[in-house]
């Protein structure tokens, strides 16, 4: 078995652990924050230690490429976040309006 057999390479910016919706970025982020494999499994209990170790091994053997992958993912997420702030969904618009209304009601009750 090759280490790559543990992953689904959906596209260059979407690598997931085979049989899961969990991306390798989720495991790697915990690892980079100092979590041990045993601690990572506590955070991602649908995985097993074999898959966590496979992900970390793949990362360590391909660190430059995976670091670039992680950076692209972070930039994409930030872009999506900024877009959602600039163009909130109808649901977010309603929730924000309700929040303002409740704050006004609280101020008026004083």
PDB file of N, CA and C in Angstrom:
ATOM      1  N   UNK A   1       0.842  -1.181   0.000  1.00  0.00           N
ATOM      2  CA  UNK A   1       0.000   0.000   0.000  1.00  0.00           C
ATOM      3  C   UNK A   1       0.882   1.238   0.000  1.00  0.00           C
ATOM      4  N   UNK A   2       0.523   2.197  -0.822  1.00  0.00           N
ATOM      5  CA  UNK A   2       1.235   3.472  -0.894  1.00  0.00           C
ATOM      6  C   UNK A   2       0.562   4.462   0.053  1.00  0.00           C
ATOM      7  N   UNK A   3       1.343   5.410   0.550  1.00  0.00           N
ATOM      8  CA  UNK A   3       0.794   6.401   1.477  1.00  0.00           C
ATOM      9  C   UNK A   3      -0.342   7.184   0.830  1.00  0.00           C
ATOM     10  N   UNK A   4      -0.261   7.449  -0.473  1.00  0.00           N
ATOM     11  CA  UNK A   4      -1.300   8.193  -1.179  1.00  0.00           C
ATOM     12  C   UNK A   4      -2.635   7.453  -1.202  1.00  0.00           C
ATOM     13  N   UNK A   5      -2.599   6.137  -0.980  1.00  0.00           N
ATOM     14  CA  UNK A   5      -3.828   5.341  -0.985  1.00  0.00           C
ATOM     15  C   UNK A   5      -4.756   5.704   0.174  1.00  0.00           C
ATOM     16  N   UNK A   6      -4.259   6.428   1.150  1.00  0.00           N
ATOM     17  CA  UNK A   6      -5.078   6.849   2.287  1.00  0.00           C
ATOM     18  C   UNK A   6      -5.932   8.078   1.967  1.00  0.00           C
ATOM     19  N   UNK A   7      -5.709   8.686   0.798  1.00  0.00           N
ATOM     20  CA  UNK A   7      -6.332   9.973   0.505  1.00  0.00           C
ATOM     21  C   UNK A   7      -7.124   9.961  -0.788  1.00  0.00           C
ATOM     22  N   UNK A   8      -8.083  10.890  -0.854  1.00  0.00           N
ATOM     23  CA  UNK A   8      -8.808  11.162  -2.083  1.00  0.00           C
ATOM     24  C   UNK A   8      -8.350  12.534  -2.556  1.00  0.00           C
ATOM     25  N   UNK A   9      -7.759  12.570  -3.740  1.00  0.00           N
ATOM     26  CA  UNK A   9      -7.282  13.816  -4.323  1.00  0.00           C
ATOM     27  C   UNK A   9      -8.387  14.332  -5.231  1.00  0.00           C
ATOM     28  N   UNK A  10      -9.336  15.064  -4.642  1.00  0.00           N
ATOM     29  CA  UNK A  10     -10.520  15.531  -5.358  1.00  0.00           C
ATOM     30  C   UNK A  10     -10.131  16.579  -6.388  1.00  0.00           C
ATOM     31  N   UNK A  11      -9.298  17.515  -5.997  1.00  0.00           N
ATOM     32  CA  UNK A  11      -8.683  18.474  -6.914  1.00  0.00           C
ATOM     33  C   UNK A  11      -7.442  19.014  -6.197  1.00  0.00           C
ATOM     34  N   UNK A  12      -6.651  19.848  -6.854  1.00  0.00           N
ATOM     35  CA  UNK A  12      -5.402  20.299  -6.216  1.00  0.00           C
ATOM     36  C   UNK A  12      -5.600  20.998  -4.869  1.00  0.00           C
ATOM     37  N   UNK A  13      -6.785  21.530  -4.630  1.00  0.00           N
ATOM     38  CA  UNK A  13      -7.029  22.228  -3.371  1.00  0.00           C
ATOM     39  C   UNK A  13      -8.061  21.520  -2.501  1.00  0.00           C
ATOM     40  N   UNK A  14      -8.201  20.229  -2.688  1.00  0.00           N
ATOM     41  CA  UNK A  14      -9.144  19.455  -1.872  1.00  0.00           C
ATOM     42  C   UNK A  14      -8.648  18.019  -1.753  1.00  0.00           C
ATOM     43  N   UNK A  15      -7.909  17.775  -0.677  1.00  0.00           N
ATOM     44  CA  UNK A  15      -7.391  16.436  -0.399  1.00  0.00           C
ATOM     45  C   UNK A  15      -8.061  15.949   0.873  1.00  0.00           C
ATOM     46  N   UNK A  16      -8.763  14.844   0.757  1.00  0.00           N
ATOM     47  CA  UNK A  16      -9.494  14.313   1.911  1.00  0.00           C
ATOM     48  C   UNK A  16      -8.985  12.945   2.293  1.00  0.00           C
ATOM     49  N   UNK A  17      -9.239  12.601   3.530  1.00  0.00           N
ATOM     50  CA  UNK A  17      -8.887  11.276   4.015  1.00  0.00           C
ATOM     51  C   UNK A  17      -9.934  10.304   3.481  1.00  0.00           C
ATOM     52  N   UNK A  18      -9.464   9.265   2.837  1.00  0.00           N
ATOM     53  CA  UNK A  18     -10.353   8.319   2.170  1.00  0.00           C
ATOM     54  C   UNK A  18     -11.393   7.775   3.149  1.00  0.00           C
ATOM     55  N   UNK A  19     -12.656   7.809   2.704  1.00  0.00           N
ATOM     56  CA  UNK A  19     -13.752   7.319   3.517  1.00  0.00           C
ATOM     57  C   UNK A  19     -14.318   8.345   4.483  1.00  0.00           C
ATOM     58  N   UNK A  20     -13.817   9.579   4.400  1.00  0.00           N
ATOM     59  CA  UNK A  20     -14.252  10.640   5.314  1.00  0.00           C
ATOM     60  C   UNK A  20     -14.441  11.934   4.531  1.00  0.00           C
ATOM     61  N   UNK A  21     -15.171  12.846   5.121  1.00  0.00           N
ATOM     62  CA  UNK A  21     -15.260  14.197   4.558  1.00  0.00           C
ATOM     63  C   UNK A  21     -14.175  15.082   5.130  1.00  0.00           C
ATOM     64  N   UNK A  22     -13.369  14.550   5.994  1.00  0.00           N
ATOM     65  CA  UNK A  22     -12.316  15.306   6.673  1.00  0.00           C
ATOM     66  C   UNK A  22     -11.142  15.504   5.720  1.00  0.00           C
ATOM     67  N   UNK A  23     -10.712  16.755   5.600  1.00  0.00           N
ATOM     68  CA  UNK A  23      -9.555  17.060   4.772  1.00  0.00           C
ATOM     69  C   UNK A  23      -8.265  16.856   5.547  1.00  0.00           C
ATOM     70  N   UNK A  24      -7.190  16.643   4.808  1.00  0.00           N
ATOM     71  CA  UNK A  24      -5.904  16.485   5.492  1.00  0.00           C
ATOM     72  C   UNK A  24      -5.536  17.753   6.243  1.00  0.00           C
ATOM     73  N   UNK A  25      -6.061  18.887   5.787  1.00  0.00           N
ATOM     74  CA  UNK A  25      -5.767  20.157   6.451  1.00  0.00           C
ATOM     75  C   UNK A  25      -6.251  20.168   7.898  1.00  0.00           C
ATOM     76  N   UNK A  26      -7.361  19.473   8.170  1.00  0.00           N
ATOM     77  CA  UNK A  26      -7.874  19.436   9.541  1.00  0.00           C
ATOM     78  C   UNK A  26      -6.883  18.750  10.475  1.00  0.00           C
ATOM     79  N   UNK A  27      -6.348  17.615  10.046  1.00  0.00           N
ATOM     80  CA  UNK A  27      -5.367  16.883  10.859  1.00  0.00           C
ATOM     81  C   UNK A  27      -4.093  17.701  10.986  1.00  0.00           C
ATOM     82  N   UNK A  28      -3.640  18.261   9.881  1.00  0.00           N
ATOM     83  CA  UNK A  28      -2.379  19.013   9.885  1.00  0.00           C
ATOM     84  C   UNK A  28      -2.478  20.262  10.758  1.00  0.00           C
ATOM     85  N   UNK A  29      -3.624  20.938  10.741  1.00  0.00           N
ATOM     86  CA  UNK A  29      -3.779  22.123  11.594  1.00  0.00           C
ATOM     87  C   UNK A  29      -3.612  21.760  13.068  1.00  0.00           C
ATOM     88  N   UNK A  30      -4.233  20.665  13.484  1.00  0.00           N
ATOM     89  CA  UNK A  30      -4.053  20.241  14.876  1.00  0.00           C
ATOM     90  C   UNK A  30      -2.582  19.921  15.155  1.00  0.00           C
ATOM     91  N   UNK A  31      -1.957  19.217  14.242  1.00  0.00           N
ATOM     92  CA  UNK A  31      -0.545  18.861  14.405  1.00  0.00           C
ATOM     93  C   UNK A  31       0.325  20.109  14.549  1.00  0.00           C
ATOM     94  N   UNK A  32       0.091  21.092  13.695  1.00  0.00           N
ATOM     95  CA  UNK A  32       0.880  22.324  13.738  1.00  0.00           C
ATOM     96  C   UNK A  32       0.609  23.146  15.000  1.00  0.00           C
ATOM     97  N   UNK A  33      -0.530  22.916  15.636  1.00  0.00           N
ATOM     98  CA  UNK A  33      -0.839  23.578  16.905  1.00  0.00           C
ATOM     99  C   UNK A  33      -0.239  22.830  18.096  1.00  0.00           C
ATOM    100  N   UNK A  34       0.441  21.715  17.820  1.00  0.00           N
ATOM    101  CA  UNK A  34       1.124  20.977  18.881  1.00  0.00           C
ATOM    102  C   UNK A  34       0.394  19.758  19.402  1.00  0.00           C
ATOM    103  N   UNK A  35      -0.723  19.400  18.781  1.00  0.00           N
ATOM    104  CA  UNK A  35      -1.461  18.221  19.206  1.00  0.00           C
ATOM    105  C   UNK A  35      -0.695  16.954  18.830  1.00  0.00           C
ATOM    106  N   UNK A  36      -0.728  15.978  19.712  1.00  0.00           N
ATOM    107  CA  UNK A  36      -0.165  14.668  19.399  1.00  0.00           C
ATOM    108  C   UNK A  36      -1.191  13.879  18.587  1.00  0.00           C
ATOM    109  N   UNK A  37      -0.780  12.814  17.910  1.00  0.00           N
ATOM    110  CA  UNK A  37      -1.764  11.996  17.193  1.00  0.00           C
ATOM    111  C   UNK A  37      -2.902  11.514  18.091  1.00  0.00           C
ATOM    112  N   UNK A  38      -2.577  11.177  19.321  1.00  0.00           N
ATOM    113  CA  UNK A  38      -3.608  10.725  20.259  1.00  0.00           C
ATOM    114  C   UNK A  38      -4.588  11.851  20.598  1.00  0.00           C
ATOM    115  N   UNK A  39      -4.088  13.069  20.703  1.00  0.00           N
ATOM    116  CA  UNK A  39      -4.965  14.212  20.957  1.00  0.00           C
ATOM    117  C   UNK A  39      -5.795  14.553  19.723  1.00  0.00           C
ATOM    118  N   UNK A  40      -5.212  14.373  18.543  1.00  0.00           N
ATOM    119  CA  UNK A  40      -5.948  14.644  17.307  1.00  0.00           C
ATOM    120  C   UNK A  40      -7.133  13.701  17.193  1.00  0.00           C
ATOM    121  N   UNK A  41      -6.947  12.456  17.556  1.00  0.00           N
ATOM    122  CA  UNK A  41      -8.050  11.490  17.456  1.00  0.00           C
ATOM    123  C   UNK A  41      -9.175  11.851  18.423  1.00  0.00           C
ATOM    124  N   UNK A  42      -8.855  12.522  19.518  1.00  0.00           N
ATOM    125  CA  UNK A  42      -9.898  12.993  20.424  1.00  0.00           C
ATOM    126  C   UNK A  42     -10.732  14.089  19.768  1.00  0.00           C
ATOM    127  N   UNK A  43     -10.101  14.904  18.930  1.00  0.00           N
ATOM    128  CA  UNK A  43     -10.796  15.982  18.227  1.00  0.00           C
ATOM    129  C   UNK A  43     -11.517  15.487  16.977  1.00  0.00           C
ATOM    130  N   UNK A  44     -10.985  14.447  16.364  1.00  0.00           N
ATOM    131  CA  UNK A  44     -11.552  13.889  15.134  1.00  0.00           C
ATOM    132  C   UNK A  44     -11.790  12.392  15.333  1.00  0.00           C
ATOM    133  N   UNK A  45     -12.754  12.029  16.178  1.00  0.00           N
ATOM    134  CA  UNK A  45     -12.917  10.627  16.586  1.00  0.00           C
ATOM    135  C   UNK A  45     -13.366   9.674  15.484  1.00  0.00           C
ATOM    136  N   UNK A  46     -13.802  10.186  14.337  1.00  0.00           N
ATOM    137  CA  UNK A  46     -14.190   9.266  13.264  1.00  0.00           C
ATOM    138  C   UNK A  46     -12.962   8.709  12.536  1.00  0.00           C
ATOM    139  N   UNK A  47     -11.792   9.272  12.817  1.00  0.00           N
ATOM    140  CA  UNK A  47     -10.552   8.751  12.244  1.00  0.00           C
ATOM    141  C   UNK A  47      -9.960   7.710  13.177  1.00  0.00           C
ATOM    142  N   UNK A  48      -8.936   7.026  12.703  1.00  0.00           N
ATOM    143  CA  UNK A  48      -8.174   6.142  13.575  1.00  0.00           C
ATOM    144  C   UNK A  48      -6.716   6.572  13.527  1.00  0.00           C
ATOM    145  N   UNK A  49      -5.914   6.028  14.429  1.00  0.00           N
ATOM    146  CA  UNK A  49      -4.515   6.443  14.507  1.00  0.00           C
ATOM    147  C   UNK A  49      -3.766   6.160  13.211  1.00  0.00           C
ATOM    148  N   UNK A  50      -4.099   5.078  12.537  1.00  0.00           N
ATOM    149  CA  UNK A  50      -3.431   4.755  11.279  1.00  0.00           C
ATOM    150  C   UNK A  50      -3.604   5.878  10.266  1.00  0.00           C
ATOM    151  N   UNK A  51      -4.814   6.393  10.138  1.00  0.00           N
ATOM    152  CA  UNK A  51      -5.074   7.464   9.169  1.00  0.00           C
ATOM    153  C   UNK A  51      -4.423   8.778   9.606  1.00  0.00           C
ATOM    154  N   UNK A  52      -4.386   9.022  10.898  1.00  0.00           N
ATOM    155  CA  UNK A  52      -3.728  10.232  11.386  1.00  0.00           C
ATOM    156  C   UNK A  52      -2.228  10.157  11.114  1.00  0.00           C
ATOM    157  N   UNK A  53      -1.624   9.019  11.434  1.00  0.00           N
ATOM    158  CA  UNK A  53      -0.193   8.859  11.174  1.00  0.00           C
ATOM    159  C   UNK A  53       0.099   8.915   9.678  1.00  0.00           C
ATOM    160  N   UNK A  54      -0.770   8.349   8.851  1.00  0.00           N
ATOM    161  CA  UNK A  54      -0.580   8.410   7.394  1.00  0.00           C
ATOM    162  C   UNK A  54      -0.613   9.860   6.925  1.00  0.00           C
ATOM    163  N   UNK A  55      -1.544  10.636   7.458  1.00  0.00           N
ATOM    164  CA  UNK A  55      -1.651  12.047   7.076  1.00  0.00           C
ATOM    165  C   UNK A  55      -0.405  12.817   7.496  1.00  0.00           C
ATOM    166  N   UNK A  56       0.048  12.580   8.704  1.00  0.00           N
ATOM    167  CA  UNK A  56       1.240  13.282   9.183  1.00  0.00           C
ATOM    168  C   UNK A  56       2.480  12.857   8.413  1.00  0.00           C
ATOM    169  N   UNK A  57       2.579  11.582   8.081  1.00  0.00           N
ATOM    170  CA  UNK A  57       3.706  11.100   7.273  1.00  0.00           C
ATOM    171  C   UNK A  57       3.687  11.745   5.894  1.00  0.00           C
ATOM    172  N   UNK A  58       2.502  11.796   5.291  1.00  0.00           N
ATOM    173  CA  UNK A  58       2.374  12.431   3.978  1.00  0.00           C
ATOM    174  C   UNK A  58       2.780  13.900   4.064  1.00  0.00           C
ATOM    175  N   UNK A  59       2.342  14.571   5.109  1.00  0.00           N
ATOM    176  CA  UNK A  59       2.701  15.981   5.300  1.00  0.00           C
ATOM    177  C   UNK A  59       4.218  16.139   5.439  1.00  0.00           C
ATOM    178  N   UNK A  60       4.823  15.348   6.290  1.00  0.00           N
ATOM    179  CA  UNK A  60       6.255  15.492   6.545  1.00  0.00           C
ATOM    180  C   UNK A  60       7.095  15.171   5.313  1.00  0.00           C
ATOM    181  N   UNK A  61       6.613  14.274   4.459  1.00  0.00           N
ATOM    182  CA  UNK A  61       7.340  13.924   3.239  1.00  0.00           C
ATOM    183  C   UNK A  61       7.100  14.922   2.108  1.00  0.00           C
ATOM    184  N   UNK A  62       6.056  15.725   2.233  1.00  0.00           N
ATOM    185  CA  UNK A  62       5.686  16.679   1.180  1.00  0.00           C
ATOM    186  C   UNK A  62       5.452  18.063   1.766  1.00  0.00           C
ATOM    187  N   UNK A  63       6.251  18.427   2.721  1.00  0.00           N
ATOM    188  CA  UNK A  63       6.009  19.623   3.518  1.00  0.00           C
ATOM    189  C   UNK A  63       5.886  20.897   2.679  1.00  0.00           C
ATOM    190  N   UNK A  64       6.746  21.107   1.718  1.00  0.00           N
ATOM    191  CA  UNK A  64       6.705  22.339   0.927  1.00  0.00           C
ATOM    192  C   UNK A  64       5.387  22.426   0.166  1.00  0.00           C
ATOM    193  N   UNK A  65       5.013  21.332  -0.497  1.00  0.00           N
ATOM    194  CA  UNK A  65       3.771  21.333  -1.275  1.00  0.00           C
ATOM    195  C   UNK A  65       2.547  21.471  -0.378  1.00  0.00           C
ATOM    196  N   UNK A  66       2.551  20.790   0.749  1.00  0.00           N
ATOM    197  CA  UNK A  66       1.381  20.826   1.644  1.00  0.00           C
ATOM    198  C   UNK A  66       1.297  22.162   2.358  1.00  0.00           C
ATOM    199  N   UNK A  67       2.432  22.760   2.698  1.00  0.00           N
ATOM    200  CA  UNK A  67       2.383  24.102   3.278  1.00  0.00           C
ATOM    201  C   UNK A  67       1.775  25.095   2.277  1.00  0.00           C
ATOM    202  N   UNK A  68       2.137  24.955   0.994  1.00  0.00           N
ATOM    203  CA  UNK A  68       1.549  25.824  -0.039  1.00  0.00           C
ATOM    204  C   UNK A  68       0.059  25.540  -0.169  1.00  0.00           C
ATOM    205  N   UNK A  69      -0.332  24.277  -0.102  1.00  0.00           N
ATOM    206  CA  UNK A  69      -1.742  23.867  -0.131  1.00  0.00           C
ATOM    207  C   UNK A  69      -2.504  24.501   1.028  1.00  0.00           C
ATOM    208  N   UNK A  70      -1.931  24.429   2.220  1.00  0.00           N
ATOM    209  CA  UNK A  70      -2.573  24.988   3.412  1.00  0.00           C
ATOM    210  C   UNK A  70      -2.710  26.512   3.275  1.00  0.00           C
ATOM    211  N   UNK A  71      -1.714  27.166   2.711  1.00  0.00           N
ATOM    212  CA  UNK A  71      -1.777  28.618   2.514  1.00  0.00           C
ATOM    213  C   UNK A  71      -2.877  28.979   1.517  1.00  0.00           C
ATOM    214  N   UNK A  72      -2.977  28.225   0.409  1.00  0.00           N
ATOM    215  CA  UNK A  72      -4.047  28.479  -0.566  1.00  0.00           C
ATOM    216  C   UNK A  72      -5.411  28.299   0.077  1.00  0.00           C
ATOM    217  N   UNK A  73      -5.549  27.267   0.903  1.00  0.00           N
ATOM    218  CA  UNK A  73      -6.814  27.008   1.593  1.00  0.00           C
ATOM    219  C   UNK A  73      -7.157  28.149   2.549  1.00  0.00           C
ATOM    220  N   UNK A  74      -6.176  28.623   3.290  1.00  0.00           N
ATOM    221  CA  UNK A  74      -6.405  29.729   4.231  1.00  0.00           C
ATOM    222  C   UNK A  74      -6.819  30.990   3.486  1.00  0.00           C
ATOM    223  N   UNK A  75      -6.173  31.272   2.358  1.00  0.00           N
ATOM    224  CA  UNK A  75      -6.529  32.449   1.567  1.00  0.00           C
ATOM    225  C   UNK A  75      -7.934  32.310   1.000  1.00  0.00           C
ATOM    226  N   UNK A  76      -8.277  31.126   0.515  1.00  0.00           N
ATOM    227  CA  UNK A  76      -9.608  30.882  -0.042  1.00  0.00           C
ATOM    228  C   UNK A  76     -10.673  31.058   1.038  1.00  0.00           C
ATOM    229  N   UNK A  77     -10.420  30.514   2.229  1.00  0.00           N
ATOM    230  CA  UNK A  77     -11.385  30.645   3.331  1.00  0.00           C
ATOM    231  C   UNK A  77     -11.562  32.103   3.733  1.00  0.00           C
ATOM    232  N   UNK A  78     -10.469  32.842   3.799  1.00  0.00           N
ATOM    233  CA  UNK A  78     -10.550  34.265   4.153  1.00  0.00           C
ATOM    234  C   UNK A  78     -11.329  35.029   3.093  1.00  0.00           C
ATOM    235  N   UNK A  79     -11.085  34.712   1.832  1.00  0.00           N
ATOM    236  CA  UNK A  79     -11.817  35.366   0.750  1.00  0.00           C
ATOM    237  C   UNK A  79     -13.308  35.082   0.866  1.00  0.00           C
ATOM    238  N   UNK A  80     -13.661  33.841   1.111  1.00  0.00           N
ATOM    239  CA  UNK A  80     -15.077  33.473   1.272  1.00  0.00           C
ATOM    240  C   UNK A  80     -15.690  34.203   2.462  1.00  0.00           C
ATOM    241  N   UNK A  81     -14.940  34.307   3.543  1.00  0.00           N
ATOM    242  CA  UNK A  81     -15.421  34.995   4.736  1.00  0.00           C
ATOM    243  C   UNK A  81     -15.680  36.473   4.436  1.00  0.00           C
ATOM    244  N   UNK A  82     -14.730  37.116   3.763  1.00  0.00           N
ATOM    245  CA  UNK A  82     -14.892  38.530   3.425  1.00  0.00           C
ATOM    246  C   UNK A  82     -16.079  38.736   2.485  1.00  0.00           C
ATOM    247  N   UNK A  83     -16.265  37.810   1.535  1.00  0.00           N
ATOM    248  CA  UNK A  83     -17.407  37.888   0.628  1.00  0.00           C
ATOM    249  C   UNK A  83     -18.716  37.747   1.390  1.00  0.00           C
ATOM    250  N   UNK A  84     -18.730  36.853   2.381  1.00  0.00           N
ATOM    251  CA  UNK A  84     -19.962  36.671   3.158  1.00  0.00           C
ATOM    252  C   UNK A  84     -20.273  37.899   4.001  1.00  0.00           C
ATOM    253  N   UNK A  85     -19.241  38.604   4.453  1.00  0.00           N
ATOM    254  CA  UNK A  85     -19.469  39.847   5.198  1.00  0.00           C
ATOM    255  C   UNK A  85     -20.003  40.940   4.283  1.00  0.00           C
ATOM    256  N   UNK A  86     -19.448  41.005   3.087  1.00  0.00           N
ATOM    257  CA  UNK A  86     -19.859  42.041   2.139  1.00  0.00           C
ATOM    258  C   UNK A  86     -21.221  41.760   1.524  1.00  0.00           C
ATOM    259  N   UNK A  87     -21.550  40.496   1.353  1.00  0.00           N
ATOM    260  CA  UNK A  87     -22.807  40.092   0.713  1.00  0.00           C
ATOM    261  C   UNK A  87     -23.505  39.031   1.557  1.00  0.00           C
ATOM    262  N   UNK A  88     -24.047  39.423   2.700  1.00  0.00           N
ATOM    263  CA  UNK A  88     -24.657  38.419   3.583  1.00  0.00           C
ATOM    264  C   UNK A  88     -25.889  37.777   2.931  1.00  0.00           C
ATOM    265  N   UNK A  89     -26.090  36.532   3.291  1.00  0.00           N
ATOM    266  CA  UNK A  89     -27.254  35.806   2.795  1.00  0.00           C
ATOM    267  C   UNK A  89     -28.527  36.427   3.375  1.00  0.00           C
ATOM    268  N   UNK A  90     -29.672  36.153   2.765  1.00  0.00           N
ATOM    269  CA  UNK A  90     -30.937  36.662   3.325  1.00  0.00           C
ATOM    270  C   UNK A  90     -31.131  36.250   4.788  1.00  0.00           C
ATOM    271  N   UNK A  91     -30.720  35.053   5.131  1.00  0.00           N
ATOM    272  CA  UNK A  91     -30.835  34.605   6.519  1.00  0.00           C
ATOM    273  C   UNK A  91     -29.991  35.478   7.440  1.00  0.00           C
ATOM    274  N   UNK A  92     -28.738  35.740   7.057  1.00  0.00           N
ATOM    275  CA  UNK A  92     -27.881  36.591   7.886  1.00  0.00           C
ATOM    276  C   UNK A  92     -28.444  38.005   7.987  1.00  0.00           C
ATOM    277  N   UNK A  93     -29.021  38.502   6.914  1.00  0.00           N
ATOM    278  CA  UNK A  93     -29.619  39.835   6.952  1.00  0.00           C
ATOM    279  C   UNK A  93     -30.771  39.875   7.955  1.00  0.00           C
ATOM    280  N   UNK A  94     -31.604  38.834   7.954  1.00  0.00           N
ATOM    281  CA  UNK A  94     -32.724  38.776   8.910  1.00  0.00           C
ATOM    282  C   UNK A  94     -32.221  38.662  10.337  1.00  0.00           C
ATOM    283  N   UNK A  95     -31.197  37.835  10.562  1.00  0.00           N
ATOM    284  CA  UNK A  95     -30.649  37.681  11.911  1.00  0.00           C
ATOM    285  C   UNK A  95     -30.051  38.992  12.424  1.00  0.00           C
ATOM    286  N   UNK A  96     -29.342  39.703  11.549  1.00  0.00           N
ATOM    287  CA  UNK A  96     -28.764  40.986  11.947  1.00  0.00           C
ATOM    288  C   UNK A  96     -29.854  42.009  12.258  1.00  0.00           C
ATOM    289  N   UNK A  97     -30.915  42.000  11.458  1.00  0.00           N
ATOM    290  CA  UNK A  97     -32.028  42.926  11.707  1.00  0.00           C
ATOM    291  C   UNK A  97     -32.689  42.602  13.042  1.00  0.00           C
ATOM    292  N   UNK A  98     -32.875  41.325  13.342  1.00  0.00           N
ATOM    293  CA  UNK A  98     -33.453  40.928  14.633  1.00  0.00           C
ATOM    294  C   UNK A  98     -32.563  41.367  15.787  1.00  0.00           C
ATOM    295  N   UNK A  99     -31.260  41.227  15.620  1.00  0.00           N
ATOM    296  CA  UNK A  99     -30.328  41.637  16.671  1.00  0.00           C
ATOM    297  C   UNK A  99     -30.446  43.136  16.938  1.00  0.00           C
ATOM    298  N   UNK A 100     -30.484  43.931  15.877  1.00  0.00           N
ATOM    299  CA  UNK A 100     -30.620  45.385  16.024  1.00  0.00           C
ATOM    300  C   UNK A 100     -31.947  45.717  16.702  1.00  0.00           C
ATOM    301  N   UNK A 101     -33.013  45.030  16.282  1.00  0.00           N
ATOM    302  CA  UNK A 101     -34.338  45.271  16.864  1.00  0.00           C
ATOM    303  C   UNK A 101     -34.324  44.962  18.362  1.00  0.00           C
ATOM    304  N   UNK A 102     -33.733  43.853  18.746  1.00  0.00           N
ATOM    305  CA  UNK A 102     -33.689  43.492  20.170  1.00  0.00           C
ATOM    306  C   UNK A 102     -32.839  44.467  20.968  1.00  0.00           C
ATOM    307  N   UNK A 103     -31.736  44.915  20.387  1.00  0.00           N
ATOM    308  CA  UNK A 103     -30.905  45.902  21.071  1.00  0.00           C
ATOM    309  C   UNK A 103     -31.667  47.203  21.273  1.00  0.00           C
ATOM    310  N   UNK A 104     -32.439  47.592  20.267  1.00  0.00           N
ATOM    311  CA  UNK A 104     -33.264  48.814  20.390  1.00  0.00           C
ATOM    312  C   UNK A 104     -34.324  48.642  21.474  1.00  0.00           C
ATOM    313  N   UNK A 105     -34.932  47.481  21.513  1.00  0.00           N
ATOM    314  CA  UNK A 105     -35.951  47.223  22.540  1.00  0.00           C
ATOM    315  C   UNK A 105     -35.351  47.287  23.941  1.00  0.00           C
ATOM    316  N   UNK A 106     -34.147  46.757  24.088  1.00  0.00           N
ATOM    317  CA  UNK A 106     -33.469  46.823  25.385  1.00  0.00           C
ATOM    318  C   UNK A 106     -33.154  48.263  25.775  1.00  0.00           C
ATOM    319  N   UNK A 107     -32.670  49.035  24.810  1.00  0.00           N
ATOM    320  CA  UNK A 107     -32.359  50.447  25.094  1.00  0.00           C
ATOM    321  C   UNK A 107     -33.618  51.237  25.452  1.00  0.00           C
ATOM    322  N   UNK A 108     -34.696  50.951  24.763  1.00  0.00           N
ATOM    323  CA  UNK A 108     -35.952  51.663  25.024  1.00  0.00           C
ATOM    324  C   UNK A 108     -36.568  51.260  26.356  1.00  0.00           C
ATOM    325  N   UNK A 109     -36.264  50.097  26.841  1.00  0.00           N
ATOM    326  CA  UNK A 109     -36.837  49.644  28.112  1.00  0.00           C
ATOM    327  C   UNK A 109     -36.104  50.257  29.318  1.00  0.00           C
ATOM    328  N   UNK A 110     -34.987  50.875  29.106  1.00  0.00           N
ATOM    329  CA  UNK A 110     -34.233  51.518  30.205  1.00  0.00           C
ATOM    330  C   UNK A 110     -34.843  52.828  30.459  1.00  0.00           C
TER     331      UNK A 110
END
